[in-house]
């Protein structure tokens, strides 16, 4: 799950970077980005593994 969160954060940063590169005025601030994100939210990563098969995927 930790790696999924890292990917999610990287996607957010990349999305903001791309919005900033498309802006003709200046960079997109985090406040502006949060407003855009509120209108178009990213779905949070989830793991859908049946509990009965959890042992198969567990790495010890």
PDB file of N, CA and C in Angstrom:
ATOM      1  N   UNK A   1       0.829  -1.192   0.000  1.00  0.00           N
ATOM      2  CA  UNK A   1       0.000   0.000   0.000  1.00  0.00           C
ATOM      3  C   UNK A   1       0.876   1.260   0.000  1.00  0.00           C
ATOM      4  N   UNK A   2       2.031   1.181   0.652  1.00  0.00           N
ATOM      5  CA  UNK A   2       2.919   2.341   0.719  1.00  0.00           C
ATOM      6  C   UNK A   2       3.344   2.793  -0.676  1.00  0.00           C
ATOM      7  N   UNK A   3       3.617   1.842  -1.562  1.00  0.00           N
ATOM      8  CA  UNK A   3       4.050   2.182  -2.918  1.00  0.00           C
ATOM      9  C   UNK A   3       2.904   2.775  -3.731  1.00  0.00           C
ATOM     10  N   UNK A   4       1.696   2.333  -3.479  1.00  0.00           N
ATOM     11  CA  UNK A   4       0.550   2.924  -4.173  1.00  0.00           C
ATOM     12  C   UNK A   4       0.370   4.391  -3.788  1.00  0.00           C
ATOM     13  N   UNK A   5       0.583   4.697  -2.523  1.00  0.00           N
ATOM     14  CA  UNK A   5       0.485   6.086  -2.068  1.00  0.00           C
ATOM     15  C   UNK A   5       1.582   6.924  -2.710  1.00  0.00           C
ATOM     16  N   UNK A   6       2.788   6.374  -2.834  1.00  0.00           N
ATOM     17  CA  UNK A   6       3.879   7.105  -3.485  1.00  0.00           C
ATOM     18  C   UNK A   6       3.550   7.393  -4.942  1.00  0.00           C
ATOM     19  N   UNK A   7       2.964   6.438  -5.629  1.00  0.00           N
ATOM     20  CA  UNK A   7       2.563   6.642  -7.017  1.00  0.00           C
ATOM     21  C   UNK A   7       1.487   7.723  -7.095  1.00  0.00           C
ATOM     22  N   UNK A   8       0.531   7.683  -6.181  1.00  0.00           N
ATOM     23  CA  UNK A   8      -0.546   8.678  -6.137  1.00  0.00           C
ATOM     24  C   UNK A   8       0.023  10.090  -5.954  1.00  0.00           C
ATOM     25  N   UNK A   9       0.955  10.239  -5.040  1.00  0.00           N
ATOM     26  CA  UNK A   9       1.578  11.549  -4.783  1.00  0.00           C
ATOM     27  C   UNK A   9       2.371  12.010  -6.012  1.00  0.00           C
ATOM     28  N   UNK A  10       3.079  11.094  -6.645  1.00  0.00           N
ATOM     29  CA  UNK A  10       3.839  11.441  -7.849  1.00  0.00           C
ATOM     30  C   UNK A  10       2.910  11.887  -8.978  1.00  0.00           C
ATOM     31  N   UNK A  11       1.770  11.239  -9.096  1.00  0.00           N
ATOM     32  CA  UNK A  11       0.801  11.633 -10.125  1.00  0.00           C
ATOM     33  C   UNK A  11       0.245  13.015  -9.831  1.00  0.00           C
ATOM     34  N   UNK A  12      -0.039  13.305  -8.558  1.00  0.00           N
ATOM     35  CA  UNK A  12      -0.505  14.657  -8.197  1.00  0.00           C
ATOM     36  C   UNK A  12       0.526  15.714  -8.567  1.00  0.00           C
ATOM     37  N   UNK A  13       1.777  15.473  -8.229  1.00  0.00           N
ATOM     38  CA  UNK A  13       2.835  16.438  -8.544  1.00  0.00           C
ATOM     39  C   UNK A  13       2.970  16.631 -10.049  1.00  0.00           C
ATOM     40  N   UNK A  14       2.902  15.534 -10.793  1.00  0.00           N
ATOM     41  CA  UNK A  14       3.024  15.614 -12.251  1.00  0.00           C
ATOM     42  C   UNK A  14       1.833  16.366 -12.845  1.00  0.00           C
ATOM     43  N   UNK A  15       0.646  16.122 -12.324  1.00  0.00           N
ATOM     44  CA  UNK A  15      -0.557  16.811 -12.790  1.00  0.00           C
ATOM     45  C   UNK A  15      -0.416  18.319 -12.577  1.00  0.00           C
ATOM     46  N   UNK A  16       0.060  18.716 -11.397  1.00  0.00           N
ATOM     47  CA  UNK A  16       0.259  20.139 -11.113  1.00  0.00           C
ATOM     48  C   UNK A  16       1.331  20.730 -12.033  1.00  0.00           C
ATOM     49  N   UNK A  17       2.388  19.972 -12.265  1.00  0.00           N
ATOM     50  CA  UNK A  17       3.464  20.438 -13.145  1.00  0.00           C
ATOM     51  C   UNK A  17       2.940  20.670 -14.557  1.00  0.00           C
ATOM     52  N   UNK A  18       2.113  19.753 -15.052  1.00  0.00           N
ATOM     53  CA  UNK A  18       1.549  19.894 -16.391  1.00  0.00           C
ATOM     54  C   UNK A  18       0.569  21.065 -16.462  1.00  0.00           C
ATOM     55  N   UNK A  19      -0.207  21.274 -15.406  1.00  0.00           N
ATOM     56  CA  UNK A  19      -1.100  22.431 -15.382  1.00  0.00           C
ATOM     57  C   UNK A  19      -0.295  23.727 -15.386  1.00  0.00           C
ATOM     58  N   UNK A  20       0.818  23.735 -14.677  1.00  0.00           N
ATOM     59  CA  UNK A  20       1.674  24.922 -14.645  1.00  0.00           C
ATOM     60  C   UNK A  20       2.299  25.188 -16.006  1.00  0.00           C
ATOM     61  N   UNK A  21       2.645  24.144 -16.708  1.00  0.00           N
ATOM     62  CA  UNK A  21       3.262  24.339 -18.021  1.00  0.00           C
ATOM     63  C   UNK A  21       2.243  24.814 -19.051  1.00  0.00           C
ATOM     64  N   UNK A  22       0.960  24.525 -18.813  1.00  0.00           N
ATOM     65  CA  UNK A  22      -0.088  24.950 -19.740  1.00  0.00           C
ATOM     66  C   UNK A  22      -0.623  26.348 -19.408  1.00  0.00           C
ATOM     67  N   UNK A  23      -0.316  26.846 -18.237  1.00  0.00           N
ATOM     68  CA  UNK A  23      -0.794  28.159 -17.823  1.00  0.00           C
ATOM     69  C   UNK A  23      -0.018  29.254 -18.536  1.00  0.00           C
ATOM     70  N   UNK A  24      -0.723  30.247 -19.080  1.00  0.00           N
ATOM     71  CA  UNK A  24      -0.052  31.333 -19.797  1.00  0.00           C
ATOM     72  C   UNK A  24       0.334  32.477 -18.865  1.00  0.00           C
ATOM     73  N   UNK A  25      -0.288  32.549 -17.696  1.00  0.00           N
ATOM     74  CA  UNK A  25       0.038  33.624 -16.763  1.00  0.00           C
ATOM     75  C   UNK A  25       1.286  33.300 -15.948  1.00  0.00           C
ATOM     76  N   UNK A  26       1.218  32.251 -15.217  1.00  0.00           N
ATOM     77  CA  UNK A  26       2.354  31.857 -14.369  1.00  0.00           C
ATOM     78  C   UNK A  26       2.122  30.428 -13.891  1.00  0.00           C
ATOM     79  N   UNK A  27       2.843  30.066 -12.883  1.00  0.00           N
ATOM     80  CA  UNK A  27       2.686  28.727 -12.325  1.00  0.00           C
ATOM     81  C   UNK A  27       1.352  28.595 -11.598  1.00  0.00           C
ATOM     82  N   UNK A  28       0.883  27.373 -11.518  1.00  0.00           N
ATOM     83  CA  UNK A  28      -0.328  27.069 -10.758  1.00  0.00           C
ATOM     84  C   UNK A  28       0.099  26.835  -9.310  1.00  0.00           C
ATOM     85  N   UNK A  29      -0.461  27.617  -8.401  1.00  0.00           N
ATOM     86  CA  UNK A  29      -0.119  27.444  -6.986  1.00  0.00           C
ATOM     87  C   UNK A  29      -0.831  26.214  -6.439  1.00  0.00           C
ATOM     88  N   UNK A  30      -0.394  25.790  -5.254  1.00  0.00           N
ATOM     89  CA  UNK A  30      -1.035  24.619  -4.654  1.00  0.00           C
ATOM     90  C   UNK A  30      -2.488  24.914  -4.311  1.00  0.00           C
ATOM     91  N   UNK A  31      -2.796  26.147  -3.924  1.00  0.00           N
ATOM     92  CA  UNK A  31      -4.182  26.494  -3.612  1.00  0.00           C
ATOM     93  C   UNK A  31      -5.063  26.368  -4.852  1.00  0.00           C
ATOM     94  N   UNK A  32      -4.560  26.869  -5.981  1.00  0.00           N
ATOM     95  CA  UNK A  32      -5.313  26.746  -7.233  1.00  0.00           C
ATOM     96  C   UNK A  32      -5.436  25.286  -7.640  1.00  0.00           C
ATOM     97  N   UNK A  33      -4.354  24.540  -7.464  1.00  0.00           N
ATOM     98  CA  UNK A  33      -4.382  23.138  -7.813  1.00  0.00           C
ATOM     99  C   UNK A  33      -5.398  22.380  -6.966  1.00  0.00           C
ATOM    100  N   UNK A  34      -5.487  22.710  -5.689  1.00  0.00           N
ATOM    101  CA  UNK A  34      -6.452  22.036  -4.819  1.00  0.00           C
ATOM    102  C   UNK A  34      -7.884  22.344  -5.241  1.00  0.00           C
ATOM    103  N   UNK A  35      -8.123  23.551  -5.766  1.00  0.00           N
ATOM    104  CA  UNK A  35      -9.454  23.884  -6.285  1.00  0.00           C
ATOM    105  C   UNK A  35      -9.782  23.036  -7.509  1.00  0.00           C
ATOM    106  N   UNK A  36      -8.801  22.892  -8.399  1.00  0.00           N
ATOM    107  CA  UNK A  36      -9.000  22.049  -9.585  1.00  0.00           C
ATOM    108  C   UNK A  36      -9.216  20.606  -9.171  1.00  0.00           C
ATOM    109  N   UNK A  37      -8.433  20.165  -8.201  1.00  0.00           N
ATOM    110  CA  UNK A  37      -8.540  18.787  -7.727  1.00  0.00           C
ATOM    111  C   UNK A  37      -9.891  18.532  -7.060  1.00  0.00           C
ATOM    112  N   UNK A  38     -10.461  19.563  -6.436  1.00  0.00           N
ATOM    113  CA  UNK A  38     -11.785  19.413  -5.835  1.00  0.00           C
ATOM    114  C   UNK A  38     -12.854  19.220  -6.919  1.00  0.00           C
ATOM    115  N   UNK A  39     -12.663  19.877  -8.060  1.00  0.00           N
ATOM    116  CA  UNK A  39     -13.611  19.716  -9.171  1.00  0.00           C
ATOM    117  C   UNK A  39     -13.424  18.390  -9.903  1.00  0.00           C
ATOM    118  N   UNK A  40     -12.170  17.964 -10.035  1.00  0.00           N
ATOM    119  CA  UNK A  40     -11.834  16.735 -10.753  1.00  0.00           C
ATOM    120  C   UNK A  40     -10.958  15.853  -9.861  1.00  0.00           C
ATOM    121  N   UNK A  41     -11.558  15.208  -8.874  1.00  0.00           N
ATOM    122  CA  UNK A  41     -10.731  14.442  -7.918  1.00  0.00           C
ATOM    123  C   UNK A  41     -10.130  13.182  -8.523  1.00  0.00           C
ATOM    124  N   UNK A  42      -8.930  12.859  -8.040  1.00  0.00           N
ATOM    125  CA  UNK A  42      -8.301  11.583  -8.369  1.00  0.00           C
ATOM    126  C   UNK A  42      -8.834  10.546  -7.389  1.00  0.00           C
ATOM    127  N   UNK A  43      -9.073   9.366  -7.874  1.00  0.00           N
ATOM    128  CA  UNK A  43      -9.511   8.320  -6.956  1.00  0.00           C
ATOM    129  C   UNK A  43      -8.313   7.792  -6.188  1.00  0.00           C
ATOM    130  N   UNK A  44      -8.522   7.541  -4.923  1.00  0.00           N
ATOM    131  CA  UNK A  44      -7.454   7.020  -4.082  1.00  0.00           C
ATOM    132  C   UNK A  44      -7.202   5.563  -4.436  1.00  0.00           C
ATOM    133  N   UNK A  45      -5.941   5.121  -4.403  1.00  0.00           N
ATOM    134  CA  UNK A  45      -5.652   3.724  -4.726  1.00  0.00           C
ATOM    135  C   UNK A  45      -6.208   2.781  -3.660  1.00  0.00           C
ATOM    136  N   UNK A  46      -6.717   1.660  -4.123  1.00  0.00           N
ATOM    137  CA  UNK A  46      -7.254   0.647  -3.220  1.00  0.00           C
ATOM    138  C   UNK A  46      -6.771  -0.714  -3.694  1.00  0.00           C
ATOM    139  N   UNK A  47      -6.662  -1.611  -2.767  1.00  0.00           N
ATOM    140  CA  UNK A  47      -6.285  -2.981  -3.086  1.00  0.00           C
ATOM    141  C   UNK A  47      -7.518  -3.854  -2.856  1.00  0.00           C
ATOM    142  N   UNK A  48      -7.899  -4.557  -3.892  1.00  0.00           N
ATOM    143  CA  UNK A  48      -9.047  -5.447  -3.790  1.00  0.00           C
ATOM    144  C   UNK A  48      -8.571  -6.892  -3.863  1.00  0.00           C
ATOM    145  N   UNK A  49      -8.229  -7.434  -2.718  1.00  0.00           N
ATOM    146  CA  UNK A  49      -7.797  -8.825  -2.623  1.00  0.00           C
ATOM    147  C   UNK A  49      -8.760  -9.529  -1.672  1.00  0.00           C
ATOM    148  N   UNK A  50      -9.361 -10.609  -2.110  1.00  0.00           N
ATOM    149  CA  UNK A  50     -10.229 -11.351  -1.197  1.00  0.00           C
ATOM    150  C   UNK A  50      -9.433 -11.842   0.011  1.00  0.00           C
ATOM    151  N   UNK A  51     -10.042 -11.786   1.154  1.00  0.00           N
ATOM    152  CA  UNK A  51      -9.362 -12.180   2.381  1.00  0.00           C
ATOM    153  C   UNK A  51      -8.877 -13.627   2.307  1.00  0.00           C
ATOM    154  N   UNK A  52      -9.635 -14.472   1.628  1.00  0.00           N
ATOM    155  CA  UNK A  52      -9.256 -15.893   1.536  1.00  0.00           C
ATOM    156  C   UNK A  52      -7.959 -16.078   0.737  1.00  0.00           C
ATOM    157  N   UNK A  53      -7.620 -15.150  -0.183  1.00  0.00           N
ATOM    158  CA  UNK A  53      -6.410 -15.276  -0.999  1.00  0.00           C
ATOM    159  C   UNK A  53      -5.276 -14.385  -0.480  1.00  0.00           C
ATOM    160  N   UNK A  54      -5.460 -13.750   0.644  1.00  0.00           N
ATOM    161  CA  UNK A  54      -4.459 -12.834   1.179  1.00  0.00           C
ATOM    162  C   UNK A  54      -3.147 -13.529   1.479  1.00  0.00           C
ATOM    163  N   UNK A  55      -3.181 -14.761   1.965  1.00  0.00           N
ATOM    164  CA  UNK A  55      -1.963 -15.495   2.269  1.00  0.00           C
ATOM    165  C   UNK A  55      -1.113 -15.722   1.020  1.00  0.00           C
ATOM    166  N   UNK A  56      -1.765 -15.876  -0.111  1.00  0.00           N
ATOM    167  CA  UNK A  56      -1.050 -16.100  -1.365  1.00  0.00           C
ATOM    168  C   UNK A  56      -0.181 -14.919  -1.719  1.00  0.00           C
ATOM    169  N   UNK A  57      -0.651 -13.703  -1.437  1.00  0.00           N
ATOM    170  CA  UNK A  57       0.059 -12.495  -1.816  1.00  0.00           C
ATOM    171  C   UNK A  57       0.978 -11.954  -0.734  1.00  0.00           C
ATOM    172  N   UNK A  58       0.899 -12.492   0.475  1.00  0.00           N
ATOM    173  CA  UNK A  58       1.706 -11.995   1.587  1.00  0.00           C
ATOM    174  C   UNK A  58       3.166 -12.382   1.385  1.00  0.00           C
ATOM    175  N   UNK A  59       4.044 -11.410   1.584  1.00  0.00           N
ATOM    176  CA  UNK A  59       5.483 -11.661   1.495  1.00  0.00           C
ATOM    177  C   UNK A  59       6.088 -11.460   2.863  1.00  0.00           C
ATOM    178  N   UNK A  60       6.668 -12.495   3.368  1.00  0.00           N
ATOM    179  CA  UNK A  60       7.267 -12.398   4.702  1.00  0.00           C
ATOM    180  C   UNK A  60       8.755 -12.360   4.627  1.00  0.00           C
TER     181      UNK A  60
END
